[in-house]
Amino acid sequence: CGSTLYILFTPLDIMKRFILIASRVFVSLARTCWNGEEATQLKNEVCFLIEEKCKSYVEGTTRLWMCGPCLKGMDYCTDCDTDLCNGAISSYTVLPLILIGLIVFYLFKF
């Protein structure tokens, strides 16, 4: 039975599939938030697993976006608990995700 599995999948194929599945599970568990200082230069960031919220607040005259809940002393702070909820999404942020998906597809040839 074990030799049949080896004929169908080489150890390298099994390792590639395991890494791909493990990375998908890890990323799906983590929160994704907008991160940056200016609304035109925001980047989406995968937060640590302990950071369950995204926030947007004002520091001086600058609005900041990042992972984590609002803390005392943050002016005009709002936080939320869904992916990319602390800012507006643009089509330019979706294009790199599509490109990454295509690259992974052709590398692993599923």
N, C-alpha and C. Protein backbone atom coordinates (compact mmCIF):
# COMPACT_ATOMS: atom_id res chain seq x y z
N CYS A 1 0.83 -1.19 0.00
CA CYS A 1 0.00 0.00 0.00
C CYS A 1 0.87 1.25 0.00
N GLY A 2 1.95 1.23 0.79
CA GLY A 2 2.83 2.39 0.85
C GLY A 2 3.60 2.59 -0.45
N SER A 3 3.95 1.48 -1.13
CA SER A 3 4.67 1.59 -2.39
C SER A 3 3.78 2.16 -3.49
N THR A 4 2.47 1.90 -3.42
CA THR A 4 1.54 2.46 -4.41
C THR A 4 1.49 3.98 -4.29
N LEU A 5 1.49 4.48 -3.05
CA LEU A 5 1.49 5.93 -2.83
C LEU A 5 2.77 6.55 -3.37
N TYR A 6 3.89 5.87 -3.21
CA TYR A 6 5.16 6.39 -3.71
C TYR A 6 5.17 6.47 -5.23
N ILE A 7 4.51 5.54 -5.90
CA ILE A 7 4.45 5.57 -7.37
C ILE A 7 3.60 6.75 -7.84
N LEU A 8 2.50 7.03 -7.14
CA LEU A 8 1.62 8.13 -7.54
C LEU A 8 2.22 9.50 -7.23
N PHE A 9 2.85 9.63 -6.07
CA PHE A 9 3.40 10.91 -5.65
C PHE A 9 4.82 10.71 -5.13
N THR A 10 5.74 11.48 -5.64
CA THR A 10 7.09 11.44 -5.11
C THR A 10 7.12 12.17 -3.78
N PRO A 11 8.16 11.94 -2.95
CA PRO A 11 8.23 12.67 -1.69
C PRO A 11 8.23 14.19 -1.88
N LEU A 12 8.82 14.68 -2.97
CA LEU A 12 8.82 16.11 -3.24
C LEU A 12 7.41 16.62 -3.51
N ASP A 13 6.61 15.85 -4.26
CA ASP A 13 5.21 16.23 -4.52
C ASP A 13 4.41 16.28 -3.23
N ILE A 14 4.62 15.30 -2.37
CA ILE A 14 3.90 15.26 -1.10
C ILE A 14 4.29 16.47 -0.25
N MET A 15 5.59 16.81 -0.21
CA MET A 15 6.05 17.95 0.57
C MET A 15 5.47 19.26 0.03
N LYS A 16 5.45 19.42 -1.29
CA LYS A 16 4.89 20.64 -1.89
C LYS A 16 3.42 20.79 -1.52
N ARG A 17 2.67 19.71 -1.63
CA ARG A 17 1.25 19.77 -1.32
C ARG A 17 1.02 20.06 0.17
N PHE A 18 1.83 19.47 1.04
CA PHE A 18 1.69 19.72 2.46
C PHE A 18 1.97 21.19 2.79
N ILE A 19 3.04 21.75 2.23
CA ILE A 19 3.37 23.15 2.48
C ILE A 19 2.28 24.07 1.95
N LEU A 20 1.76 23.78 0.78
CA LEU A 20 0.69 24.61 0.21
C LEU A 20 -0.57 24.57 1.08
N ILE A 21 -0.97 23.38 1.51
CA ILE A 21 -2.16 23.26 2.36
C ILE A 21 -1.94 23.91 3.71
N ALA A 22 -0.77 23.71 4.31
CA ALA A 22 -0.47 24.30 5.62
C ALA A 22 -0.46 25.82 5.53
N SER A 23 0.11 26.39 4.47
CA SER A 23 0.15 27.84 4.35
C SER A 23 -1.25 28.41 4.13
N ARG A 24 -2.10 27.70 3.39
CA ARG A 24 -3.49 28.16 3.20
C ARG A 24 -4.25 28.16 4.52
N VAL A 25 -4.05 27.12 5.33
CA VAL A 25 -4.73 27.04 6.62
C VAL A 25 -4.24 28.17 7.52
N PHE A 26 -2.93 28.41 7.57
CA PHE A 26 -2.38 29.46 8.43
C PHE A 26 -2.89 30.83 8.02
N VAL A 27 -2.88 31.14 6.73
CA VAL A 27 -3.33 32.44 6.26
C VAL A 27 -4.83 32.61 6.48
N SER A 28 -5.59 31.54 6.33
CA SER A 28 -7.03 31.66 6.53
C SER A 28 -7.37 31.91 8.00
N LEU A 29 -6.53 31.48 8.92
CA LEU A 29 -6.78 31.74 10.34
C LEU A 29 -6.40 33.15 10.75
N ALA A 30 -5.46 33.76 10.06
CA ALA A 30 -4.96 35.08 10.42
C ALA A 30 -5.87 36.17 9.86
N ARG A 31 -5.90 37.30 10.51
CA ARG A 31 -6.66 38.47 10.08
C ARG A 31 -5.82 39.25 9.06
N THR A 32 -6.46 39.79 8.04
CA THR A 32 -5.80 40.63 7.05
C THR A 32 -6.34 42.05 7.21
N CYS A 33 -5.44 43.02 7.39
CA CYS A 33 -5.84 44.42 7.59
C CYS A 33 -5.06 45.32 6.64
N TRP A 34 -5.61 46.50 6.42
CA TRP A 34 -4.88 47.52 5.67
C TRP A 34 -3.83 48.10 6.59
N ASN A 35 -2.65 48.43 6.04
CA ASN A 35 -1.56 48.98 6.81
C ASN A 35 -0.94 50.13 6.03
N GLY A 36 -0.74 51.28 6.70
CA GLY A 36 -0.11 52.41 6.05
C GLY A 36 -0.50 53.73 6.67
N GLU A 37 0.04 54.81 6.08
CA GLU A 37 -0.22 56.14 6.61
C GLU A 37 -1.09 56.98 5.69
N GLU A 38 -1.04 56.76 4.41
CA GLU A 38 -1.85 57.54 3.48
C GLU A 38 -2.81 56.60 2.76
N ALA A 39 -4.02 57.08 2.53
CA ALA A 39 -5.05 56.24 1.92
C ALA A 39 -4.65 55.73 0.54
N THR A 40 -3.80 56.48 -0.16
CA THR A 40 -3.40 56.06 -1.50
C THR A 40 -2.26 55.05 -1.49
N GLN A 41 -1.63 54.84 -0.33
CA GLN A 41 -0.48 53.93 -0.26
C GLN A 41 -0.70 52.78 0.71
N LEU A 42 -1.93 52.37 0.90
CA LEU A 42 -2.21 51.28 1.82
C LEU A 42 -1.82 49.94 1.21
N LYS A 43 -1.32 49.06 2.06
CA LYS A 43 -0.97 47.70 1.65
C LYS A 43 -1.71 46.75 2.58
N ASN A 44 -2.17 45.61 2.04
CA ASN A 44 -2.81 44.66 2.94
C ASN A 44 -1.73 43.83 3.63
N GLU A 45 -1.95 43.58 4.91
CA GLU A 45 -0.96 42.91 5.75
C GLU A 45 -1.65 41.78 6.49
N VAL A 46 -0.99 40.62 6.53
CA VAL A 46 -1.50 39.51 7.32
C VAL A 46 -1.00 39.70 8.74
N CYS A 47 -1.92 39.81 9.68
CA CYS A 47 -1.58 40.10 11.08
C CYS A 47 -1.21 38.82 11.82
N PHE A 48 -0.63 38.99 13.00
CA PHE A 48 -0.35 37.86 13.87
C PHE A 48 -1.66 37.24 14.32
N LEU A 49 -1.64 35.98 14.65
CA LEU A 49 -2.87 35.28 15.04
C LEU A 49 -3.52 35.88 16.28
N ILE A 50 -2.72 36.52 17.17
CA ILE A 50 -3.29 37.08 18.40
C ILE A 50 -4.02 38.39 18.14
N GLU A 51 -3.76 39.03 17.00
CA GLU A 51 -4.43 40.29 16.68
C GLU A 51 -5.72 39.98 15.93
N GLU A 52 -6.82 40.11 16.64
CA GLU A 52 -8.11 39.72 16.08
C GLU A 52 -8.86 40.87 15.44
N LYS A 53 -8.32 42.09 15.48
CA LYS A 53 -9.03 43.24 14.94
C LYS A 53 -8.12 44.09 14.07
N CYS A 54 -8.74 44.90 13.23
CA CYS A 54 -8.05 45.92 12.44
C CYS A 54 -8.45 47.28 13.01
N LYS A 55 -7.59 48.28 12.86
CA LYS A 55 -7.95 49.60 13.37
C LYS A 55 -7.51 50.69 12.42
N SER A 56 -8.18 51.81 12.58
CA SER A 56 -7.85 53.03 11.84
C SER A 56 -8.00 54.16 12.84
N TYR A 57 -6.94 54.99 12.99
CA TYR A 57 -6.99 56.07 13.97
C TYR A 57 -6.16 57.26 13.51
N VAL A 58 -6.33 58.38 14.21
CA VAL A 58 -5.62 59.61 13.88
C VAL A 58 -4.53 59.85 14.91
N GLU A 59 -3.31 60.12 14.42
CA GLU A 59 -2.20 60.49 15.29
C GLU A 59 -1.69 61.84 14.81
N GLY A 60 -1.96 62.89 15.56
CA GLY A 60 -1.63 64.24 15.12
C GLY A 60 -2.56 64.64 13.99
N THR A 61 -2.00 64.81 12.79
CA THR A 61 -2.81 65.14 11.62
C THR A 61 -2.82 64.00 10.60
N THR A 62 -2.28 62.85 10.99
CA THR A 62 -2.14 61.72 10.08
C THR A 62 -3.07 60.59 10.48
N ARG A 63 -3.79 60.03 9.52
CA ARG A 63 -4.60 58.84 9.77
C ARG A 63 -3.74 57.62 9.51
N LEU A 64 -3.78 56.67 10.43
CA LEU A 64 -3.00 55.44 10.35
C LEU A 64 -3.92 54.23 10.29
N TRP A 65 -3.53 53.21 9.55
CA TRP A 65 -4.26 51.95 9.44
C TRP A 65 -3.31 50.84 9.83
N MET A 66 -3.77 49.90 10.67
CA MET A 66 -2.91 48.78 11.07
C MET A 66 -3.69 47.69 11.78
N CYS A 67 -2.98 46.63 12.17
CA CYS A 67 -3.57 45.52 12.90
C CYS A 67 -3.71 45.87 14.37
N GLY A 68 -4.66 45.23 15.03
CA GLY A 68 -4.83 45.37 16.46
C GLY A 68 -6.05 46.18 16.85
N PRO A 69 -6.50 46.04 18.10
CA PRO A 69 -7.67 46.78 18.57
C PRO A 69 -7.30 48.22 18.97
N CYS A 70 -8.30 49.07 19.07
CA CYS A 70 -8.09 50.44 19.55
C CYS A 70 -7.67 50.40 21.02
N LEU A 71 -6.77 51.28 21.39
CA LEU A 71 -6.31 51.40 22.77
C LEU A 71 -6.69 52.77 23.30
N LYS A 72 -6.67 52.92 24.61
CA LYS A 72 -6.97 54.22 25.20
C LYS A 72 -5.95 55.24 24.72
N GLY A 73 -6.43 56.45 24.43
CA GLY A 73 -5.55 57.52 23.99
C GLY A 73 -5.42 57.66 22.48
N MET A 74 -5.99 56.75 21.71
CA MET A 74 -5.97 56.85 20.25
C MET A 74 -7.15 57.70 19.82
N ASP A 75 -6.85 58.82 19.16
CA ASP A 75 -7.90 59.74 18.73
C ASP A 75 -8.64 59.20 17.51
N TYR A 76 -9.95 59.34 17.54
CA TYR A 76 -10.82 58.96 16.42
C TYR A 76 -10.51 57.54 15.92
N CYS A 77 -10.39 56.64 16.87
CA CYS A 77 -10.04 55.26 16.52
C CYS A 77 -11.30 54.42 16.33
N THR A 78 -11.29 53.63 15.26
CA THR A 78 -12.34 52.64 15.05
C THR A 78 -11.66 51.31 14.77
N ASP A 79 -12.23 50.24 15.32
CA ASP A 79 -11.69 48.92 15.02
C ASP A 79 -12.82 48.00 14.57
N CYS A 80 -12.45 46.92 13.92
CA CYS A 80 -13.43 46.00 13.36
C CYS A 80 -12.81 44.60 13.33
N ASP A 81 -13.63 43.60 13.07
CA ASP A 81 -13.13 42.23 13.20
C ASP A 81 -13.34 41.36 11.96
N THR A 82 -13.33 41.96 10.77
CA THR A 82 -13.36 41.18 9.54
C THR A 82 -12.16 41.58 8.67
N ASP A 83 -11.82 40.76 7.70
CA ASP A 83 -10.67 41.05 6.85
C ASP A 83 -10.86 42.34 6.06
N LEU A 84 -9.81 43.14 6.01
CA LEU A 84 -9.76 44.39 5.24
C LEU A 84 -10.93 45.33 5.56
N CYS A 85 -11.33 45.36 6.81
CA CYS A 85 -12.48 46.18 7.20
C CYS A 85 -12.08 47.60 7.62
N ASN A 86 -10.79 47.88 7.73
CA ASN A 86 -10.38 49.20 8.19
C ASN A 86 -10.03 50.16 7.05
N GLY A 87 -10.50 49.91 5.86
CA GLY A 87 -10.26 50.81 4.74
C GLY A 87 -10.97 50.32 3.50
N ALA A 88 -10.93 51.11 2.45
CA ALA A 88 -11.60 50.75 1.20
C ALA A 88 -10.67 49.90 0.35
N ILE A 89 -11.23 48.94 -0.36
CA ILE A 89 -10.44 48.08 -1.25
C ILE A 89 -10.47 48.64 -2.67
N SER A 90 -9.37 48.54 -3.35
CA SER A 90 -9.32 48.99 -4.74
C SER A 90 -8.96 47.80 -5.62
N SER A 91 -9.21 47.93 -6.89
CA SER A 91 -8.92 46.82 -7.81
C SER A 91 -7.43 46.57 -7.93
N TYR A 92 -6.60 47.56 -7.63
CA TYR A 92 -5.15 47.36 -7.74
C TYR A 92 -4.62 46.41 -6.68
N THR A 93 -5.34 46.24 -5.57
CA THR A 93 -4.88 45.29 -4.56
C THR A 93 -5.31 43.87 -4.89
N VAL A 94 -6.31 43.69 -5.70
CA VAL A 94 -6.76 42.36 -6.07
C VAL A 94 -5.87 41.77 -7.16
N LEU A 95 -5.34 42.58 -8.04
CA LEU A 95 -4.52 42.08 -9.14
C LEU A 95 -3.29 41.30 -8.68
N PRO A 96 -2.53 41.78 -7.68
CA PRO A 96 -1.40 40.96 -7.21
C PRO A 96 -1.83 39.62 -6.64
N LEU A 97 -2.99 39.56 -5.99
CA LEU A 97 -3.47 38.28 -5.45
C LEU A 97 -3.79 37.31 -6.57
N ILE A 98 -4.36 37.80 -7.65
CA ILE A 98 -4.64 36.94 -8.81
C ILE A 98 -3.33 36.45 -9.42
N LEU A 99 -2.35 37.32 -9.52
CA LEU A 99 -1.04 36.96 -10.07
C LEU A 99 -0.36 35.90 -9.21
N ILE A 100 -0.42 36.05 -7.89
CA ILE A 100 0.17 35.06 -6.99
C ILE A 100 -0.52 33.71 -7.16
N GLY A 101 -1.84 33.72 -7.29
CA GLY A 101 -2.58 32.48 -7.50
C GLY A 101 -2.16 31.78 -8.78
N LEU A 102 -1.98 32.54 -9.86
CA LEU A 102 -1.56 31.95 -11.13
C LEU A 102 -0.15 31.37 -11.04
N ILE A 103 0.75 32.08 -10.35
CA ILE A 103 2.13 31.59 -10.20
C ILE A 103 2.14 30.28 -9.42
N VAL A 104 1.39 30.24 -8.31
CA VAL A 104 1.32 29.01 -7.51
C VAL A 104 0.72 27.87 -8.34
N PHE A 105 -0.31 28.17 -9.12
CA PHE A 105 -0.93 27.15 -9.96
C PHE A 105 0.07 26.55 -10.93
N TYR A 106 0.86 27.40 -11.62
CA TYR A 106 1.80 26.87 -12.60
C TYR A 106 3.03 26.24 -11.96
N LEU A 107 3.41 26.67 -10.75
CA LEU A 107 4.54 26.03 -10.08
C LEU A 107 4.20 24.62 -9.62
N PHE A 108 3.00 24.45 -9.06
CA PHE A 108 2.62 23.16 -8.53
C PHE A 108 1.80 22.33 -9.49
N LYS A 109 1.35 22.93 -10.58
CA LYS A 109 0.62 22.26 -11.66
C LYS A 109 -0.47 21.33 -11.15
N PHE A 110 -1.42 21.92 -10.45
CA PHE A 110 -2.56 21.15 -9.93
C PHE A 110 -3.58 20.97 -11.00
